[in-house]
Amino acid sequence: MTIQLLLLELDPERRHQLAEVLRATGARVQEAEGARSAAESLQGGGFDAALVSLGVPQLDVAALAAAICPSAPGSPVSLDAAERLHIARTLEHTAGNRRQAALILGISRSTLLHKIRKYGLDVGQAGARRSGA
């Protein structure tokens, strides 16, 4: 029986390398380049397992942990982790428009830029940031 895998990794080269290794074992691999595309793929079903890079900015690790083991008591996340996730989701909502994201978050653009650097959220934002930087 062939296993159907969903692979979520932001770095295209690393994603392709991992997919090739998994395909060499006989697995059928669907590659996802972001959290949104992975979520859409998962809604379609048909996967036996998912290989997820925990470094994806939009990934809600607490929600993922609760989905994997719903009976385990949830542990609170740090304020930094919650802020990072909130900023990442806001940037995704604004398609990378930092000015608009700062307005939504109620902070100055310079504060937002500082937090983007602090949390390493520049990954995957390069093309989108030009439109509203």
C-alpha atoms as a PDB file:
ATOM      1  CA  MET A   1       0.000   0.000   0.000  1.00  0.00           C
ATOM      2  CA  THR A   2       1.322   3.423  -0.967  1.00  0.00           C
ATOM      3  CA  ILE A   3       1.384   6.091   1.718  1.00  0.00           C
ATOM      4  CA  GLN A   4       0.061   9.545   0.815  1.00  0.00           C
ATOM      5  CA  LEU A   5       2.039  12.377   2.471  1.00  0.00           C
ATOM      6  CA  LEU A   6       1.590  16.124   2.682  1.00  0.00           C
ATOM      7  CA  LEU A   7       4.897  17.996   2.919  1.00  0.00           C
ATOM      8  CA  LEU A   8       4.892  21.569   4.256  1.00  0.00           C
ATOM      9  CA  GLU A   9       8.226  23.394   3.976  1.00  0.00           C
ATOM     10  CA  LEU A  10       8.803  27.040   3.025  1.00  0.00           C
ATOM     11  CA  ASP A  11      12.246  26.631   1.496  1.00  0.00           C
ATOM     12  CA  PRO A  12      11.621  25.350  -2.069  1.00  0.00           C
ATOM     13  CA  GLU A  13      14.992  23.613  -2.397  1.00  0.00           C
ATOM     14  CA  ARG A  14      14.676  21.834   0.930  1.00  0.00           C
ATOM     15  CA  ARG A  15      11.030  20.941   0.172  1.00  0.00           C
ATOM     16  CA  HIS A  16      12.022  19.429  -3.168  1.00  0.00           C
ATOM     17  CA  GLN A  17      14.904  17.446  -1.625  1.00  0.00           C
ATOM     18  CA  LEU A  18      12.678  16.044   1.115  1.00  0.00           C
ATOM     19  CA  ALA A  19       9.973  15.172  -1.403  1.00  0.00           C
ATOM     20  CA  GLU A  20      12.459  13.313  -3.598  1.00  0.00           C
ATOM     21  CA  VAL A  21      13.761  11.295  -0.629  1.00  0.00           C
ATOM     22  CA  LEU A  22      10.211  10.392   0.378  1.00  0.00           C
ATOM     23  CA  ARG A  23       9.224   9.505  -3.184  1.00  0.00           C
ATOM     24  CA  ALA A  24      12.254   7.218  -3.402  1.00  0.00           C
ATOM     25  CA  THR A  25      10.693   5.158  -0.586  1.00  0.00           C
ATOM     26  CA  GLY A  26       7.550   4.744  -2.679  1.00  0.00           C
ATOM     27  CA  ALA A  27       5.453   7.391  -0.954  1.00  0.00           C
ATOM     28  CA  ARG A  28       3.161   9.694  -2.889  1.00  0.00           C
ATOM     29  CA  VAL A  29       4.038  13.227  -1.819  1.00  0.00           C
ATOM     30  CA  GLN A  30       2.085  16.429  -2.275  1.00  0.00           C
ATOM     31  CA  GLU A  31       4.201  19.518  -1.626  1.00  0.00           C
ATOM     32  CA  ALA A  32       2.743  22.588   0.092  1.00  0.00           C
ATOM     33  CA  GLU A  33       4.651  25.868  -0.003  1.00  0.00           C
ATOM     34  CA  GLY A  34       2.772  27.583   2.808  1.00  0.00           C
ATOM     35  CA  ALA A  35       0.367  27.078   5.703  1.00  0.00           C
ATOM     36  CA  ARG A  36      -2.644  28.191   3.677  1.00  0.00           C
ATOM     37  CA  SER A  37      -2.000  25.784   0.781  1.00  0.00           C
ATOM     38  CA  ALA A  38      -1.356  22.961   3.281  1.00  0.00           C
ATOM     39  CA  ALA A  39      -4.648  23.684   5.053  1.00  0.00           C
ATOM     40  CA  GLU A  40      -6.523  23.679   1.743  1.00  0.00           C
ATOM     41  CA  SER A  41      -4.908  20.368   0.781  1.00  0.00           C
ATOM     42  CA  LEU A  42      -5.756  18.818   4.150  1.00  0.00           C
ATOM     43  CA  GLN A  43      -9.414  19.777   3.766  1.00  0.00           C
ATOM     44  CA  GLY A  44      -9.536  17.589   0.669  1.00  0.00           C
ATOM     45  CA  GLY A  45      -8.442  14.596   2.741  1.00  0.00           C
ATOM     46  CA  GLY A  46      -6.746  11.465   1.505  1.00  0.00           C
ATOM     47  CA  PHE A  47      -3.482  11.885   3.417  1.00  0.00           C
ATOM     48  CA  ASP A  48      -2.000   9.264   5.685  1.00  0.00           C
ATOM     49  CA  ALA A  49       0.507  11.630   7.290  1.00  0.00           C
ATOM     50  CA  ALA A  50       1.914  15.141   7.149  1.00  0.00           C
ATOM     51  CA  LEU A  51       5.507  16.283   7.429  1.00  0.00           C
ATOM     52  CA  VAL A  52       5.408  19.858   8.711  1.00  0.00           C
ATOM     53  CA  SER A  53       8.243  22.319   9.169  1.00  0.00           C
ATOM     54  CA  LEU A  54       7.652  23.924  12.565  1.00  0.00           C
ATOM     55  CA  GLY A  55       9.392  27.087  11.363  1.00  0.00           C
ATOM     56  CA  VAL A  56       6.429  28.181   9.230  1.00  0.00           C
ATOM     57  CA  PRO A  57       5.432  31.629  10.569  1.00  0.00           C
ATOM     58  CA  GLN A  58       1.683  31.105  10.153  1.00  0.00           C
ATOM     59  CA  LEU A  59       1.733  27.709  11.831  1.00  0.00           C
ATOM     60  CA  ASP A  60      -0.219  27.624  15.081  1.00  0.00           C
ATOM     61  CA  VAL A  61       1.823  25.021  16.938  1.00  0.00           C
ATOM     62  CA  ALA A  62      -0.612  24.961  19.885  1.00  0.00           C
ATOM     63  CA  ALA A  63      -3.548  24.234  17.554  1.00  0.00           C
ATOM     64  CA  LEU A  64      -1.498  21.577  15.783  1.00  0.00           C
ATOM     65  CA  ALA A  65      -0.627  19.938  19.103  1.00  0.00           C
ATOM     66  CA  ALA A  66      -4.296  20.016  20.171  1.00  0.00           C
ATOM     67  CA  ALA A  67      -5.337  18.461  16.852  1.00  0.00           C
ATOM     68  CA  ILE A  68      -2.751  15.693  17.193  1.00  0.00           C
ATOM     69  CA  CYS A  69      -3.570  14.943  20.816  1.00  0.00           C
ATOM     70  CA  PRO A  70      -6.884  16.568  21.802  1.00  0.00           C
ATOM     71  CA  SER A  71      -7.022  14.865  25.201  1.00  0.00           C
ATOM     72  CA  ALA A  72      -3.725  16.361  26.368  1.00  0.00           C
ATOM     73  CA  PRO A  73      -4.108  19.508  28.418  1.00  0.00           C
ATOM     74  CA  GLY A  74      -3.044  22.537  26.427  1.00  0.00           C
ATOM     75  CA  SER A  75      -0.118  24.432  27.745  1.00  0.00           C
ATOM     76  CA  PRO A  76      -0.010  28.183  27.406  1.00  0.00           C
ATOM     77  CA  VAL A  77       2.371  29.647  24.872  1.00  0.00           C
ATOM     78  CA  SER A  78       4.728  32.503  25.590  1.00  0.00           C
ATOM     79  CA  LEU A  79       3.673  36.058  24.875  1.00  0.00           C
ATOM     80  CA  ASP A  80       6.391  36.239  22.200  1.00  0.00           C
ATOM     81  CA  ALA A  81       4.993  33.135  20.480  1.00  0.00           C
ATOM     82  CA  ALA A  82       1.468  34.540  20.535  1.00  0.00           C
ATOM     83  CA  GLU A  83       2.654  37.915  19.232  1.00  0.00           C
ATOM     84  CA  ARG A  84       4.710  36.272  16.463  1.00  0.00           C
ATOM     85  CA  LEU A  85       1.721  34.231  15.311  1.00  0.00           C
ATOM     86  CA  HIS A  86      -0.607  37.248  15.424  1.00  0.00           C
ATOM     87  CA  ILE A  87       1.782  39.390  13.378  1.00  0.00           C
ATOM     88  CA  ALA A  88       2.337  36.569  10.871  1.00  0.00           C
ATOM     89  CA  ARG A  89      -1.425  36.123  10.414  1.00  0.00           C
ATOM     90  CA  THR A  90      -1.935  39.856  10.010  1.00  0.00           C
ATOM     91  CA  LEU A  91       0.821  40.034   7.380  1.00  0.00           C
ATOM     92  CA  GLU A  92      -0.788  37.102   5.581  1.00  0.00           C
ATOM     93  CA  HIS A  93      -4.175  38.848   5.752  1.00  0.00           C
ATOM     94  CA  THR A  94      -2.699  42.009   4.223  1.00  0.00           C
ATOM     95  CA  ALA A  95      -0.730  40.047   1.600  1.00  0.00           C
ATOM     96  CA  GLY A  96       2.504  41.385   3.090  1.00  0.00           C
ATOM     97  CA  ASN A  97       1.434  45.045   3.112  1.00  0.00           C
ATOM     98  CA  ARG A  98       3.311  46.216   6.175  1.00  0.00           C
ATOM     99  CA  ARG A  99       1.722  49.647   6.356  1.00  0.00           C
ATOM    100  CA  GLN A 100      -1.759  48.132   6.413  1.00  0.00           C
ATOM    101  CA  ALA A 101      -0.666  45.451   8.898  1.00  0.00           C
ATOM    102  CA  ALA A 102       0.708  48.115  11.261  1.00  0.00           C
ATOM    103  CA  LEU A 103      -2.622  49.962  11.084  1.00  0.00           C
ATOM    104  CA  ILE A 104      -4.578  46.805  11.879  1.00  0.00           C
ATOM    105  CA  LEU A 105      -2.228  45.941  14.755  1.00  0.00           C
ATOM    106  CA  GLY A 106      -2.384  49.480  16.119  1.00  0.00           C
ATOM    107  CA  ILE A 107       1.386  49.950  16.105  1.00  0.00           C
ATOM    108  CA  SER A 108       3.748  52.144  14.140  1.00  0.00           C
ATOM    109  CA  ARG A 109       5.281  50.820  10.944  1.00  0.00           C
ATOM    110  CA  SER A 110       8.773  51.054  12.465  1.00  0.00           C
ATOM    111  CA  THR A 111       7.646  48.982  15.460  1.00  0.00           C
ATOM    112  CA  LEU A 112       6.190  46.406  13.087  1.00  0.00           C
ATOM    113  CA  LEU A 113       9.439  46.275  11.097  1.00  0.00           C
ATOM    114  CA  HIS A 114      11.366  45.742  14.337  1.00  0.00           C
ATOM    115  CA  LYS A 115       9.055  42.868  15.329  1.00  0.00           C
ATOM    116  CA  ILE A 116       9.269  41.311  11.853  1.00  0.00           C
ATOM    117  CA  ARG A 117      13.053  41.196  12.223  1.00  0.00           C
ATOM    118  CA  LYS A 118      12.827  40.012  15.848  1.00  0.00           C
ATOM    119  CA  TYR A 119      10.583  37.076  14.956  1.00  0.00           C
ATOM    120  CA  GLY A 120      12.228  36.246  11.623  1.00  0.00           C
ATOM    121  CA  LEU A 121       9.064  36.867   9.632  1.00  0.00           C
ATOM    122  CA  ASP A 122      10.901  38.174   6.543  1.00  0.00           C
ATOM    123  CA  VAL A 123      10.838  34.649   5.062  1.00  0.00           C
ATOM    124  CA  GLY A 124       8.317  34.468   2.238  1.00  0.00           C
ATOM    125  CA  GLN A 125       7.486  38.177   2.443  1.00  0.00           C
ATOM    126  CA  ALA A 126      10.042  39.511  -0.046  1.00  0.00           C
ATOM    127  CA  GLY A 127       7.719  39.817  -3.037  1.00  0.00           C
ATOM    128  CA  ALA A 128       4.683  40.893  -1.055  1.00  0.00           C
ATOM    129  CA  ARG A 129       6.450  43.564   0.972  1.00  0.00           C
ATOM    130  CA  ARG A 130       7.283  45.593  -2.107  1.00  0.00           C
ATOM    131  CA  SER A 131       3.588  46.285  -2.684  1.00  0.00           C
ATOM    132  CA  GLY A 132       3.033  47.999   0.641  1.00  0.00           C
ATOM    133  CA  ALA A 133       6.381  48.636   2.244  1.00  0.00           C
END
